[in-house]
């Protein structure tokens, strides 16, 4: 594997308004991700596009173009959803996004882990 040092600066509106990662970090460029994933512990509300039913889930990690979260039921790959990620502080505004599901699988605790790309 070839490692190169790059200066990474990611700002997101999750946790205390901003999370900054500004250290020189080794990055394996064989990894195809455009952004680093940041572990987060927060709730999200979601609804499938065209359906007004709002459900809740738990965010596991987030990046500049994707999100991983757990929910109680399965969703189909390709499903478009509207999400609201709530950081748990009134000082931090919620993150609103439209996502597309790219993976959904059953976990050991009978919930579903959903990976999705951000569309906006």
Protein backbone atom coordinates (compact mmCIF):
# COMPACT_ATOMS: atom_id res chain seq x y z
CA UNK A 1 0.00 0.00 0.00
CA UNK A 2 1.14 3.48 -0.77
CA UNK A 3 0.54 6.09 1.91
CA UNK A 4 0.76 9.79 1.33
CA UNK A 5 0.48 12.50 3.91
CA UNK A 6 -2.21 15.02 3.21
CA UNK A 7 -3.62 17.87 5.18
CA UNK A 8 -7.23 17.08 5.94
CA UNK A 9 -9.67 19.69 6.98
CA UNK A 10 -13.27 18.57 7.33
CA UNK A 11 -15.96 20.73 8.80
CA UNK A 12 -19.40 19.37 9.56
CA UNK A 13 -22.35 20.69 11.49
CA UNK A 14 -22.47 17.63 13.73
CA UNK A 15 -21.46 18.11 17.38
CA UNK A 16 -20.71 21.54 18.81
CA UNK A 17 -21.40 23.24 15.50
CA UNK A 18 -18.16 22.06 13.88
CA UNK A 19 -15.82 19.13 14.01
CA UNK A 20 -12.36 19.96 12.72
CA UNK A 21 -9.86 17.35 11.62
CA UNK A 22 -6.84 19.35 10.66
CA UNK A 23 -3.96 17.01 11.37
CA UNK A 24 -1.54 15.55 8.86
CA UNK A 25 -2.85 12.03 8.41
CA UNK A 26 -1.77 9.00 6.43
CA UNK A 27 -4.36 8.11 3.82
CA UNK A 28 -4.43 4.92 1.80
CA UNK A 29 -5.30 6.06 -1.71
CA UNK A 30 -6.43 2.56 -2.66
CA UNK A 31 -9.47 3.43 -0.53
CA UNK A 32 -12.10 4.82 -2.88
CA UNK A 33 -13.80 7.18 -0.43
CA UNK A 34 -13.60 10.90 -1.14
CA UNK A 35 -14.04 11.89 2.52
CA UNK A 36 -13.06 10.47 5.89
CA UNK A 37 -15.85 8.96 7.95
CA UNK A 38 -16.40 10.52 11.37
CA UNK A 39 -18.03 8.47 14.12
CA UNK A 40 -20.97 10.28 15.67
CA UNK A 41 -23.59 9.43 18.25
CA UNK A 42 -26.83 11.19 17.45
CA UNK A 43 -30.41 10.64 16.40
CA UNK A 44 -31.93 11.10 12.99
CA UNK A 45 -35.44 11.41 11.65
CA UNK A 46 -36.18 10.12 8.17
CA UNK A 47 -38.96 9.60 5.70
CA UNK A 48 -38.96 7.91 2.34
CA UNK A 49 -39.52 10.37 -0.49
CA UNK A 50 -43.24 10.50 -1.26
CA UNK A 51 -44.20 9.13 2.18
CA UNK A 52 -45.06 11.48 5.06
CA UNK A 53 -44.42 8.90 7.81
CA UNK A 54 -41.49 10.10 9.93
CA UNK A 55 -39.38 7.44 11.64
CA UNK A 56 -36.27 7.59 13.80
CA UNK A 57 -32.85 5.99 13.73
CA UNK A 58 -29.36 6.25 15.17
CA UNK A 59 -26.38 7.67 13.23
CA UNK A 60 -23.16 5.65 13.43
CA UNK A 61 -20.91 7.72 11.18
CA UNK A 62 -21.05 10.50 8.62
CA UNK A 63 -18.79 11.95 5.95
CA UNK A 64 -18.91 14.72 3.40
CA UNK A 65 -20.91 12.58 1.00
CA UNK A 66 -22.38 9.68 2.98
CA UNK A 67 -23.96 8.43 6.16
CA UNK A 68 -24.29 5.14 8.04
CA UNK A 69 -27.21 4.66 10.43
CA UNK A 70 -29.32 2.01 12.16
CA UNK A 71 -33.11 1.69 11.87
CA UNK A 72 -35.79 -0.81 12.86
CA UNK A 73 -36.86 -2.00 9.39
CA UNK A 74 -35.30 -2.84 6.03
CA UNK A 75 -35.29 -0.44 3.09
CA UNK A 76 -34.59 -1.20 -0.55
CA UNK A 77 -31.37 -0.22 -2.28
CA UNK A 78 -32.02 2.87 -4.38
CA UNK A 79 -34.65 4.23 -1.99
CA UNK A 80 -34.50 8.02 -1.71
CA UNK A 81 -35.02 9.46 1.77
CA UNK A 82 -35.15 12.85 3.44
CA UNK A 83 -33.22 12.92 6.70
CA UNK A 84 -32.76 15.31 9.59
CA UNK A 85 -29.70 14.67 11.77
CA UNK A 86 -30.05 16.18 15.23
CA UNK A 87 -26.81 16.83 17.10
CA UNK A 88 -28.30 16.85 20.57
CA UNK A 89 -27.55 20.51 21.30
CA UNK A 90 -29.84 23.47 20.78
CA UNK A 91 -26.78 25.44 19.67
CA UNK A 92 -26.23 23.17 16.67
CA UNK A 93 -28.73 23.41 13.83
CA UNK A 94 -29.96 20.10 12.41
CA UNK A 95 -28.51 18.77 9.17
CA UNK A 96 -31.18 18.33 6.46
CA UNK A 97 -30.29 16.12 3.48
CA UNK A 98 -31.69 13.92 0.75
CA UNK A 99 -29.98 10.53 0.56
CA UNK A 100 -30.02 7.41 -1.60
CA UNK A 101 -29.66 3.99 0.03
CA UNK A 102 -26.72 1.97 -1.30
CA UNK A 103 -26.69 -0.84 1.28
CA UNK A 104 -29.02 -2.27 3.93
CA UNK A 105 -28.37 -5.37 6.00
CA UNK A 106 -29.67 -7.03 9.17
CA UNK A 107 -27.42 -6.69 12.23
CA UNK A 108 -26.94 -9.03 15.20
CA UNK A 109 -29.40 -7.01 17.30
CA UNK A 110 -32.21 -7.37 14.70
CA UNK A 111 -31.96 -3.79 13.51
CA UNK A 112 -30.88 -2.74 10.02
CA UNK A 113 -27.68 -0.91 9.16
CA UNK A 114 -28.19 1.46 6.23
CA UNK A 115 -25.44 3.09 4.17
CA UNK A 116 -26.43 5.96 1.92
CA UNK A 117 -24.96 8.69 -0.27
CA UNK A 118 -25.94 12.31 0.13
CA UNK A 119 -27.63 13.80 -2.89
CA UNK A 120 -27.55 17.46 -1.81
